[in-house]
Amino acid sequence: MSAYAIICDHVLHPELRRIPRTYERIWLSTDREQGNVYLDPARLEDGIGAQLSPLVLDLCEIAAYVYLGDKAVSRGRYEKWVRDLSFYIPVREPERWNEVRTLLTHTVGTLSGDNVQFHFHRKRERKSRQKQRPIPEQPAASQPDCVSLFSGGLDSLAGAVHLTKAGRRPLLASHYASGLRSLQGNLAEALGGELGHTYSHFQYRVSGCRRKRTRHLLVTPESSHRARSFMFLGFAAAAAEARGLSEIFICENGVLSLNVPISDARKGTRSTHHAHPLYLRYFNQLINALFQRSFAVLNPFFFLTKRQEVELLHRHGLEELIRESVSCWGYPNLTLRFPGSNHCGACIPCLVRRISTISADLERFDDRYVTDVFDPDAELSDTQLRNVEDLVYFAERFAHSSKSDLLRRFPELVMAELATNGVPGERLDRMIDVYRRFAEDLLAITAARRPQYLTGSRREEQVA
């Protein structure tokens, strides 16, 4: 297993170049003259609407470095999936970060599945950065009482509706890249118009960049992006701390957030942990310890299917917004050459979304998919076919197995239950119920549209 040193802010800290040669080196820097990472503190403050403390700026930079460091180191296959990543990061408050280093390690390691270490050094800054600047005032009508992640996807859209209808005033926090900025902005504006609400919407960009004096170009060969959720929640926590808010919402349906692997090849972090209850628990503990006050990181959709989210939008007359949201893992790279579609149709998020709109009888409000996996005449690639067949087989297991058999086959259910709050046993039953309701919807659609996906006696049973 190769070991990598992610050396951060190396432009102003040449001493970090003395990292032992036993590590393969990745160089990252947000320096505005020579760096290879785009992160603009002034724009962050304008978007959040508040001055950022040194500790908050540290959190934003660490979140950016974790995200881009993850992308810069390619994973292998099978047993080589796990990487050894050591982050060397200059920070403004190294004493505080050393106090929470163990929690930070657990948080990022749980999310990415890697062996991670953090080494903190005292940060030096260019003097001009320390000047105070006025922050644009926020409209009184948009003063938020919580922060909610807003990716532009269907789940976060339903989450914003859920919170607004409950009388909350969420600050929508969005990371954007590759055309997502306008999509997110338009969706938030359309939602506000429909609900008669003015949202505070904080959009930020973190990406690789090239400046005239950049010495180390950033190459990002890894596409799994398992650490991306740490950046999402990190910037949401930064906004919450800067605005004096205490609740952070990440709204994700239970099928994808509870992280029960749909096949043996997708165990562990081969399935995303982006909203897994154990990861959220660690992150919650981290920001409580870091800022030394009480936060709550919440997912109100743990026990909902995506179909229920779609039905929530329908109940409030907002089904027209479904097609304006984007759920595809491959957007925009897999969809750019297909005008009029933002969804590949064959990745797991596309499949779960498609099942939700069909089963809710709201397919007419959905986007057009590049590949219709339920078309009897569709020709699928090996990867596309494996995705849909794995999902159908997984659904058959949940639809036809007893609770005890499911617990033996999917111990991840018990792990997820231990990380959630509530009555033991009752939570486990609710988790299984989420997957069984999803399975019922998927198998009914498959039997009606493409029964050849069904296996053996199950196929005969469903067709009958």
Protein backbone atom coordinates (compact mmCIF):
# COMPACT_ATOMS: atom_id res chain seq x y z
CA MET A 1 0.00 0.00 0.00
CA SER A 2 1.45 3.38 -1.01
CA ALA A 3 1.58 6.16 1.57
CA TYR A 4 0.84 9.72 0.50
CA ALA A 5 1.73 13.00 2.15
CA ILE A 6 -0.81 15.72 1.31
CA ILE A 7 1.33 18.81 1.87
CA CYS A 8 -0.90 21.87 2.22
CA ASP A 9 -0.12 25.58 1.95
CA HIS A 10 3.43 24.71 0.91
CA VAL A 11 3.96 28.12 -0.75
CA LEU A 12 4.37 29.98 2.55
CA HIS A 13 5.69 26.99 4.49
CA PRO A 14 8.81 25.67 2.75
CA GLU A 15 9.72 23.69 5.89
CA LEU A 16 6.98 21.21 4.92
CA ARG A 17 9.12 20.16 1.97
CA ARG A 18 11.20 18.12 4.42
CA ILE A 19 8.53 15.41 4.72
CA PRO A 20 10.27 11.98 4.56
CA ARG A 21 10.83 10.63 1.07
CA THR A 22 9.03 7.42 2.00
CA TYR A 23 5.81 9.27 1.12
CA GLU A 24 4.52 10.04 -2.33
CA ARG A 25 3.76 13.76 -2.26
CA ILE A 26 0.70 15.77 -3.24
CA TRP A 27 1.05 19.57 -3.11
CA LEU A 28 -1.94 21.77 -2.33
CA SER A 29 -2.14 25.50 -1.65
CA THR A 30 -4.84 28.17 -1.56
CA ASP A 31 -2.24 30.93 -2.02
CA ARG A 32 -3.71 33.52 -4.38
CA GLU A 33 -0.39 34.07 -6.18
CA GLN A 34 1.11 30.60 -6.54
CA GLY A 35 -1.51 28.15 -5.29
CA ASN A 36 -3.36 25.37 -7.11
CA VAL A 37 -6.57 25.41 -5.03
CA TYR A 38 -9.35 27.96 -5.50
CA LEU A 39 -10.80 29.10 -2.17
CA ASP A 40 -11.64 32.78 -1.70
CA PRO A 41 -12.19 33.79 1.97
CA ALA A 42 -13.65 37.17 0.96
CA ARG A 43 -16.32 35.52 -1.16
CA LEU A 44 -17.04 33.06 1.64
CA GLU A 45 -17.67 35.94 4.05
CA ASP A 46 -19.88 37.74 1.54
CA GLY A 47 -21.88 34.55 0.89
CA ILE A 48 -22.30 33.69 4.56
CA GLY A 49 -22.95 37.29 5.51
CA ALA A 50 -20.55 37.40 8.45
CA GLN A 51 -16.89 37.81 9.31
CA LEU A 52 -15.14 34.44 9.66
CA SER A 53 -13.06 33.74 12.73
CA PRO A 54 -9.58 32.20 12.40
CA LEU A 55 -10.97 28.84 13.56
CA VAL A 56 -13.76 28.94 10.97
CA LEU A 57 -11.26 29.77 8.22
CA ASP A 58 -9.15 26.83 9.37
CA LEU A 59 -12.17 24.52 9.08
CA CYS A 60 -12.92 25.73 5.54
CA GLU A 61 -9.33 25.19 4.42
CA ILE A 62 -9.08 21.75 6.04
CA ALA A 63 -12.37 20.71 4.41
CA ALA A 64 -11.09 21.90 1.02
CA TYR A 65 -7.77 20.09 1.42
CA VAL A 66 -9.47 16.84 2.48
CA TYR A 67 -11.81 17.04 -0.52
CA LEU A 68 -9.09 17.74 -3.09
CA GLY A 69 -6.55 15.44 -1.46
CA ASP A 70 -9.07 12.63 -1.80
CA LYS A 71 -9.49 13.43 -5.51
CA ALA A 72 -5.73 13.68 -6.09
CA VAL A 73 -4.87 10.13 -4.95
CA SER A 74 -6.18 7.32 -7.12
CA ARG A 75 -7.64 4.24 -5.45
CA GLY A 76 -6.79 0.77 -6.59
CA ARG A 77 -9.20 -2.10 -7.01
CA TYR A 78 -10.29 -4.73 -4.51
CA GLU A 79 -7.95 -4.80 -1.48
CA LYS A 80 -6.09 -1.71 -2.76
CA TRP A 81 -9.17 0.50 -2.25
CA VAL A 82 -7.91 1.78 1.12
CA ARG A 83 -5.17 4.44 1.03
CA ASP A 84 -2.71 5.81 3.60
CA LEU A 85 -3.15 9.60 3.59
CA SER A 86 -1.21 11.95 5.86
CA PHE A 87 -2.31 15.58 5.76
CA TYR A 88 0.23 18.26 6.74
CA ILE A 89 -1.82 21.42 7.25
CA PRO A 90 -0.80 24.84 8.62
CA VAL A 91 -3.63 26.32 10.72
CA ARG A 92 -4.21 29.53 12.65
CA GLU A 93 -5.08 27.75 15.90
CA PRO A 94 -2.95 24.57 16.03
CA GLU A 95 -3.59 24.01 19.76
CA ARG A 96 -7.35 23.67 19.20
CA TRP A 97 -6.92 21.43 16.17
CA ASN A 98 -4.53 19.14 18.03
CA GLU A 99 -7.19 18.81 20.75
CA VAL A 100 -9.76 17.51 18.24
CA ARG A 101 -7.36 15.59 16.00
CA THR A 102 -8.62 12.16 17.07
CA LEU A 103 -12.23 13.13 16.36
CA LEU A 104 -11.24 14.59 13.01
CA THR A 105 -9.42 11.38 12.11
CA HIS A 106 -12.43 9.23 13.04
CA THR A 107 -14.77 11.51 11.07
CA VAL A 108 -12.79 11.55 7.83
CA GLY A 109 -11.74 7.89 8.12
CA THR A 110 -15.33 6.74 8.62
CA LEU A 111 -16.40 8.73 5.58
CA SER A 112 -13.61 7.80 3.15
CA GLY A 113 -12.59 4.37 4.44
CA ASP A 114 -8.90 5.37 4.37
CA ASN A 115 -6.14 5.33 6.95
CA VAL A 116 -5.79 9.06 7.59
CA GLN A 117 -3.54 11.14 9.78
CA PHE A 118 -3.43 14.89 10.42
CA HIS A 119 -0.36 16.95 11.32
CA PHE A 120 -0.94 20.60 12.19
CA HIS A 121 1.54 23.48 12.01
CA ARG A 122 1.19 27.15 12.84
CA LYS A 123 0.09 29.08 9.77
CA ARG A 124 1.79 32.12 8.29
CA GLU A 125 -0.35 34.45 6.19
CA ARG A 126 0.28 37.23 3.74
CA LYS A 127 -0.22 40.49 5.62
CA SER A 128 -2.88 41.87 3.26
CA ARG A 129 -5.27 39.02 4.19
CA GLN A 130 -5.57 40.37 7.73
CA LYS A 131 -7.29 43.61 6.74
CA GLN A 132 -10.89 43.93 7.88
CA ARG A 133 -13.48 44.49 5.17
CA PRO A 134 -17.18 45.38 5.36
CA ILE A 135 -19.60 42.48 4.91
CA PRO A 136 -22.75 43.13 2.81
CA GLU A 137 -25.85 43.27 5.01
CA GLN A 138 -28.36 40.46 4.65
CA PRO A 139 -32.03 41.27 4.01
CA ALA A 140 -34.04 41.15 7.21
CA ALA A 141 -36.64 38.90 5.56
CA SER A 142 -34.04 36.19 4.95
CA GLN A 143 -32.54 35.90 8.44
CA PRO A 144 -32.07 32.12 8.85
CA ASP A 145 -32.54 29.95 11.93
CA CYS A 146 -30.69 26.86 10.64
CA VAL A 147 -28.42 25.67 7.82
CA SER A 148 -29.51 23.09 5.23
CA LEU A 149 -27.30 21.53 2.57
CA PHE A 150 -28.64 22.37 -0.90
CA SER A 151 -26.89 20.49 -3.68
CA GLY A 152 -29.54 21.06 -6.32
CA GLY A 153 -30.65 17.45 -5.97
CA LEU A 154 -34.15 16.14 -5.32
CA ASP A 155 -33.43 15.21 -1.68
CA SER A 156 -32.10 18.65 -0.72
CA LEU A 157 -35.00 20.29 -2.58
CA ALA A 158 -37.50 18.20 -0.60
CA GLY A 159 -35.55 19.02 2.54
CA ALA A 160 -35.85 22.76 1.96
CA VAL A 161 -39.61 22.34 1.43
CA HIS A 162 -39.92 20.20 4.57
CA LEU A 163 -38.11 22.75 6.71
CA THR A 164 -39.92 25.77 5.25
CA LYS A 165 -43.35 24.19 5.70
CA ALA A 166 -42.40 23.41 9.31
CA GLY A 167 -41.89 27.14 9.88
CA ARG A 168 -38.08 27.09 9.68
CA ARG A 169 -35.91 29.58 7.79
CA PRO A 170 -32.99 27.58 6.40
CA LEU A 171 -29.80 29.10 5.05
CA LEU A 172 -29.17 26.99 1.94
CA ALA A 173 -25.50 25.98 1.62
CA SER A 174 -24.33 24.91 -1.85
CA HIS A 175 -21.00 23.82 -3.28
CA TYR A 176 -20.93 24.37 -7.01
CA ALA A 177 -18.84 23.30 -9.98
CA SER A 178 -19.37 22.64 -13.69
CA GLY A 179 -22.56 24.64 -14.22
CA LEU A 180 -24.24 23.81 -10.91
CA ARG A 181 -24.15 27.41 -9.66
CA SER A 182 -26.92 28.65 -11.95
CA LEU A 183 -28.92 25.42 -11.54
CA GLN A 184 -28.83 25.72 -7.74
CA GLY A 185 -29.58 29.44 -7.83
CA ASN A 186 -32.50 29.03 -10.22
CA LEU A 187 -33.94 26.16 -8.18
CA ALA A 188 -33.70 28.10 -4.90
CA GLU A 189 -35.28 31.16 -6.53
CA ALA A 190 -38.10 29.11 -8.06
CA LEU A 191 -38.76 27.38 -4.74
CA GLY A 192 -38.82 30.70 -2.90
CA GLY A 193 -41.27 32.08 -5.45
CA GLU A 194 -43.59 29.10 -5.04
CA LEU A 195 -43.50 29.23 -1.24
CA GLY A 196 -43.42 33.01 -0.85
CA HIS A 197 -40.13 32.80 1.02
CA THR A 198 -36.82 34.62 0.53
CA TYR A 199 -33.94 32.23 1.15
CA SER A 200 -30.45 33.10 2.25
CA HIS A 201 -28.40 31.08 -0.22
CA PHE A 202 -24.68 30.58 0.41
CA GLN A 203 -22.86 29.23 -2.66
CA TYR A 204 -19.14 28.53 -2.57
CA ARG A 205 -16.58 27.14 -4.97
CA VAL A 206 -13.71 24.83 -4.08
CA SER A 207 -11.71 23.47 -7.00
CA GLY A 208 -8.28 23.07 -8.48
CA CYS A 209 -6.91 26.09 -10.31
CA ARG A 210 -3.85 27.30 -12.15
CA ARG A 211 -2.26 30.70 -11.56
CA LYS A 212 0.62 32.30 -13.43
CA ARG A 213 3.15 31.28 -10.77
CA THR A 214 1.68 27.87 -9.88
CA ARG A 215 4.51 25.36 -9.48
CA HIS A 216 2.52 22.20 -8.78
CA LEU A 217 -0.43 21.49 -11.04
CA LEU A 218 -3.28 19.64 -9.34
CA VAL A 219 -4.24 16.38 -11.05
CA THR A 220 -7.44 14.69 -9.82
CA PRO A 221 -7.60 11.10 -11.13
CA GLU A 222 -9.92 9.72 -8.42
CA SER A 223 -13.64 9.87 -9.22
CA SER A 224 -15.15 8.16 -6.14
CA HIS A 225 -15.23 11.47 -4.16
CA ARG A 226 -15.86 9.70 -0.85
CA ALA A 227 -14.60 12.67 1.20
CA ARG A 228 -16.80 15.25 -0.53
CA SER A 229 -19.43 15.19 2.23
CA PHE A 230 -16.84 16.41 4.75
CA MET A 231 -16.44 19.54 2.66
CA PHE A 232 -20.22 19.98 2.37
CA LEU A 233 -20.79 19.69 6.10
CA GLY A 234 -17.60 21.57 6.94
CA PHE A 235 -18.70 24.67 5.07
CA ALA A 236 -22.24 24.32 6.45
CA ALA A 237 -20.77 24.22 9.97
CA ALA A 238 -18.64 27.26 9.14
CA ALA A 239 -21.77 29.16 8.11
CA ALA A 240 -23.62 28.01 11.23
CA GLU A 241 -20.82 29.11 13.55
CA ALA A 242 -20.38 32.47 11.80
CA ARG A 243 -24.14 33.21 11.91
CA GLY A 244 -24.68 31.91 15.45
CA LEU A 245 -26.88 28.98 14.35
CA SER A 246 -26.97 25.58 15.99
CA GLU A 247 -28.80 23.17 13.64
CA ILE A 248 -27.39 21.76 10.40
CA PHE A 249 -29.64 19.64 8.17
CA ILE A 250 -28.44 17.12 5.61
CA CYS A 251 -31.60 15.74 3.98
CA GLU A 252 -31.03 12.36 2.33
CA ASN A 253 -33.43 9.46 1.83
CA GLY A 254 -32.90 6.39 3.98
CA VAL A 255 -32.12 4.02 1.11
CA LEU A 256 -28.91 5.88 0.27
CA SER A 257 -28.02 7.33 3.68
CA LEU A 258 -28.23 4.11 5.74
CA ASN A 259 -25.62 2.60 3.41
CA VAL A 260 -26.63 -1.05 3.34
CA PRO A 261 -24.46 -2.38 0.45
CA ILE A 262 -26.47 -3.64 -2.50
CA SER A 263 -23.83 -6.29 -3.32
CA ASP A 264 -20.71 -7.82 -1.78
CA ALA A 265 -18.59 -5.78 -4.19
CA ARG A 266 -19.97 -2.55 -2.68
CA LYS A 267 -19.26 -3.16 0.99
CA GLY A 268 -17.73 -0.52 3.23
CA THR A 269 -16.97 2.79 1.56
CA ARG A 270 -17.38 1.27 -1.88
CA SER A 271 -20.88 2.53 -1.14
CA THR A 272 -20.91 6.17 -0.13
CA HIS A 273 -21.09 7.06 3.59
CA HIS A 274 -21.97 10.69 2.81
CA ALA A 275 -24.97 10.73 5.19
CA HIS A 276 -24.34 7.58 7.21
CA PRO A 277 -25.46 7.97 10.85
CA LEU A 278 -22.04 7.00 12.24
CA TYR A 279 -20.29 9.60 10.10
CA LEU A 280 -22.85 12.27 11.08
CA ARG A 281 -22.40 11.34 14.73
CA TYR A 282 -18.63 11.79 14.52
CA PHE A 283 -18.99 15.07 12.62
CA ASN A 284 -21.44 16.36 15.21
CA GLN A 285 -19.01 15.50 18.01
CA LEU A 286 -16.16 17.15 16.09
CA ILE A 287 -17.79 20.55 15.63
CA ASN A 288 -19.13 20.55 19.20
CA ALA A 289 -15.61 20.00 20.50
CA LEU A 290 -14.01 22.38 18.00
CA PHE A 291 -16.26 25.38 18.65
CA GLN A 292 -16.99 24.41 22.26
CA ARG A 293 -20.74 24.83 21.98
CA SER A 294 -23.72 22.67 21.10
CA PHE A 295 -24.63 21.87 17.49
CA ALA A 296 -27.09 19.33 16.09
CA VAL A 297 -26.42 17.66 12.72
CA LEU A 298 -29.74 16.16 11.59
CA ASN A 299 -31.17 14.08 8.76
CA PRO A 300 -34.99 14.24 8.95
CA PHE A 301 -35.29 11.77 6.05
CA PHE A 302 -33.46 8.77 7.59
CA PHE A 303 -36.66 6.72 7.59
CA LEU A 304 -38.14 7.98 4.31
CA THR A 305 -37.82 6.58 0.81
CA LYS A 306 -37.21 8.90 -2.11
CA ARG A 307 -40.77 8.17 -3.23
CA GLN A 308 -42.01 9.80 -0.02
CA GLU A 309 -39.89 12.86 -0.79
CA VAL A 310 -41.44 13.08 -4.25
CA GLU A 311 -44.90 12.74 -2.70
CA LEU A 312 -44.03 15.53 -0.26
CA LEU A 313 -43.32 17.84 -3.21
CA HIS A 314 -46.59 16.77 -4.84
CA ARG A 315 -48.63 17.46 -1.69
CA HIS A 316 -47.41 21.05 -1.75
CA GLY A 317 -47.99 21.50 -5.47
CA LEU A 318 -44.27 21.61 -6.28
CA GLU A 319 -43.96 18.60 -8.59
CA GLU A 320 -42.95 20.87 -11.50
CA LEU A 321 -39.64 21.48 -9.71
CA ILE A 322 -38.69 17.79 -9.81
CA ARG A 323 -37.24 18.02 -13.33
CA GLU A 324 -35.24 21.11 -12.36
CA SER A 325 -33.27 19.14 -9.74
CA VAL A 326 -30.25 16.93 -10.52
CA SER A 327 -29.50 13.63 -8.79
CA CYS A 328 -27.03 12.01 -11.23
CA TRP A 329 -23.57 10.99 -10.02
CA GLY A 330 -22.26 11.58 -13.52
CA TYR A 331 -23.58 15.13 -14.00
CA PRO A 332 -22.36 16.91 -16.04
CA ASN A 333 -19.59 14.73 -17.51
CA LEU A 334 -21.88 11.85 -18.52
CA THR A 335 -24.70 14.06 -19.77
CA LEU A 336 -23.09 17.01 -21.57
CA ARG A 337 -23.32 15.39 -24.98
CA PHE A 338 -27.05 14.75 -24.53
CA PRO A 339 -28.95 18.08 -24.79
CA GLY A 340 -32.13 18.15 -22.75
CA SER A 341 -31.03 15.64 -20.11
CA ASN A 342 -29.19 16.01 -16.81
CA HIS A 343 -29.37 12.32 -15.85
CA CYS A 344 -27.43 9.34 -17.22
CA GLY A 345 -30.22 7.00 -16.07
CA ALA A 346 -28.03 4.07 -15.03
CA CYS A 347 -26.04 5.14 -11.95
CA ILE A 348 -27.47 4.16 -8.56
CA PRO A 349 -28.82 7.67 -7.70
CA CYS A 350 -30.53 7.87 -11.10
CA LEU A 351 -32.11 4.45 -10.58
CA VAL A 352 -33.36 5.33 -7.09
CA ARG A 353 -34.77 8.64 -8.38
CA ARG A 354 -36.45 6.97 -11.35
CA ILE A 355 -38.08 4.36 -9.13
CA SER A 356 -39.39 7.11 -6.85
CA THR A 357 -41.14 9.11 -9.56
CA ILE A 358 -42.58 6.06 -11.34
CA SER A 359 -43.94 4.51 -8.15
CA ALA A 360 -45.44 7.86 -7.07
CA ASP A 361 -47.14 8.13 -10.50
CA LEU A 362 -45.24 11.39 -11.13
CA GLU A 363 -42.90 10.22 -13.89
CA ARG A 364 -44.30 12.88 -16.22
CA PHE A 365 -42.69 15.56 -14.03
CA ASP A 366 -39.25 13.93 -14.07
CA ASP A 367 -36.26 14.66 -16.29
CA ARG A 368 -35.55 12.69 -19.46
CA TYR A 369 -32.88 10.02 -18.87
CA VAL A 370 -30.04 9.31 -21.32
CA THR A 371 -30.53 5.57 -20.77
CA ASP A 372 -33.93 4.05 -19.99
CA VAL A 373 -32.96 0.90 -18.13
CA PHE A 374 -36.59 -0.25 -17.98
CA ASP A 375 -37.07 -0.11 -21.75
CA PRO A 376 -37.34 -3.76 -22.90
CA ASP A 377 -35.27 -2.93 -25.98
CA ALA A 378 -32.55 -0.93 -24.25
CA GLU A 379 -28.99 -2.13 -24.80
CA LEU A 380 -26.96 -1.59 -21.65
CA SER A 381 -23.22 -1.61 -21.03
CA ASP A 382 -21.80 -4.13 -18.56
CA THR A 383 -21.57 -1.47 -15.85
CA GLN A 384 -25.13 -0.24 -16.44
CA LEU A 385 -26.49 -3.77 -16.42
CA ARG A 386 -24.60 -4.63 -13.24
CA ASN A 387 -26.03 -1.61 -11.44
CA VAL A 388 -29.64 -2.45 -12.21
CA GLU A 389 -29.27 -6.21 -11.68
CA ASP A 390 -27.49 -5.68 -8.33
CA LEU A 391 -30.26 -3.33 -7.22
CA VAL A 392 -33.02 -5.76 -8.26
CA TYR A 393 -31.31 -8.69 -6.51
CA PHE A 394 -30.87 -6.54 -3.40
CA ALA A 395 -34.59 -5.67 -3.51
CA GLU A 396 -35.51 -9.34 -3.80
CA ARG A 397 -33.51 -10.09 -0.66
CA PHE A 398 -35.36 -7.44 1.36
CA ALA A 399 -38.76 -8.33 -0.05
CA HIS A 400 -38.54 -12.04 0.71
CA SER A 401 -36.21 -12.51 3.70
CA SER A 402 -37.11 -12.59 7.37
CA LYS A 403 -35.75 -9.99 9.78
CA SER A 404 -33.29 -12.47 11.28
CA ASP A 405 -32.01 -13.46 7.82
CA LEU A 406 -31.58 -9.79 6.88
CA LEU A 407 -29.56 -9.10 10.04
CA ARG A 408 -27.26 -12.03 9.26
CA ARG A 409 -26.88 -10.95 5.64
CA PHE A 410 -26.61 -7.20 6.32
CA PRO A 411 -24.86 -6.52 9.66
CA GLU A 412 -24.56 -2.92 8.46
CA LEU A 413 -28.16 -2.47 9.66
CA VAL A 414 -27.06 -3.03 13.26
CA MET A 415 -24.08 -0.69 12.82
CA ALA A 416 -26.37 2.05 11.50
CA GLU A 417 -28.84 1.52 14.34
CA LEU A 418 -26.14 1.89 17.00
CA ALA A 419 -25.21 5.30 15.56
CA THR A 420 -28.74 6.75 15.53
CA ASN A 421 -30.83 8.23 18.31
CA GLY A 422 -34.11 6.68 19.40
CA VAL A 423 -35.53 3.51 20.89
CA PRO A 424 -33.34 0.42 20.18
CA GLY A 425 -35.14 -2.22 18.14
CA GLU A 426 -37.74 0.26 16.91
CA ARG A 427 -35.07 2.02 14.83
CA LEU A 428 -33.97 -1.28 13.33
CA ASP A 429 -37.54 -2.14 12.33
CA ARG A 430 -37.94 1.26 10.70
CA MET A 431 -34.70 0.85 8.74
CA ILE A 432 -35.77 -2.52 7.41
CA ASP A 433 -39.18 -1.06 6.57
CA VAL A 434 -37.52 1.69 4.47
CA TYR A 435 -35.74 -0.89 2.36
CA ARG A 436 -38.78 -3.15 2.10
CA ARG A 437 -40.97 -0.33 0.83
CA PHE A 438 -38.28 0.61 -1.69
CA ALA A 439 -37.96 -3.05 -2.72
CA GLU A 440 -41.71 -3.36 -3.26
CA ASP A 441 -41.70 -0.34 -5.57
CA LEU A 442 -38.66 -1.51 -7.55
CA LEU A 443 -39.89 -5.07 -8.04
CA ALA A 444 -43.34 -3.91 -9.16
CA ILE A 445 -41.80 -1.60 -11.77
CA THR A 446 -39.37 -4.29 -12.92
CA ALA A 447 -42.11 -6.92 -13.27
CA ALA A 448 -44.23 -4.54 -15.34
CA ARG A 449 -41.50 -3.11 -17.58
CA ARG A 450 -38.50 -5.45 -17.77
CA PRO A 451 -39.12 -8.76 -15.94
CA GLN A 452 -35.93 -10.33 -17.31
CA TYR A 453 -34.07 -8.51 -14.52
CA LEU A 454 -35.87 -10.68 -11.96
CA THR A 455 -34.12 -13.86 -10.88
CA GLY A 456 -35.37 -17.46 -10.94
CA SER A 457 -38.55 -18.16 -9.02
CA ARG A 458 -38.82 -14.50 -8.07
CA ARG A 459 -39.23 -13.61 -11.74
CA GLU A 460 -42.02 -16.15 -12.15
CA GLU A 461 -43.67 -14.97 -8.93
CA GLN A 462 -43.62 -11.30 -9.93
CA VAL A 463 -44.81 -11.91 -13.49
CA ALA A 464 -47.68 -14.05 -12.18
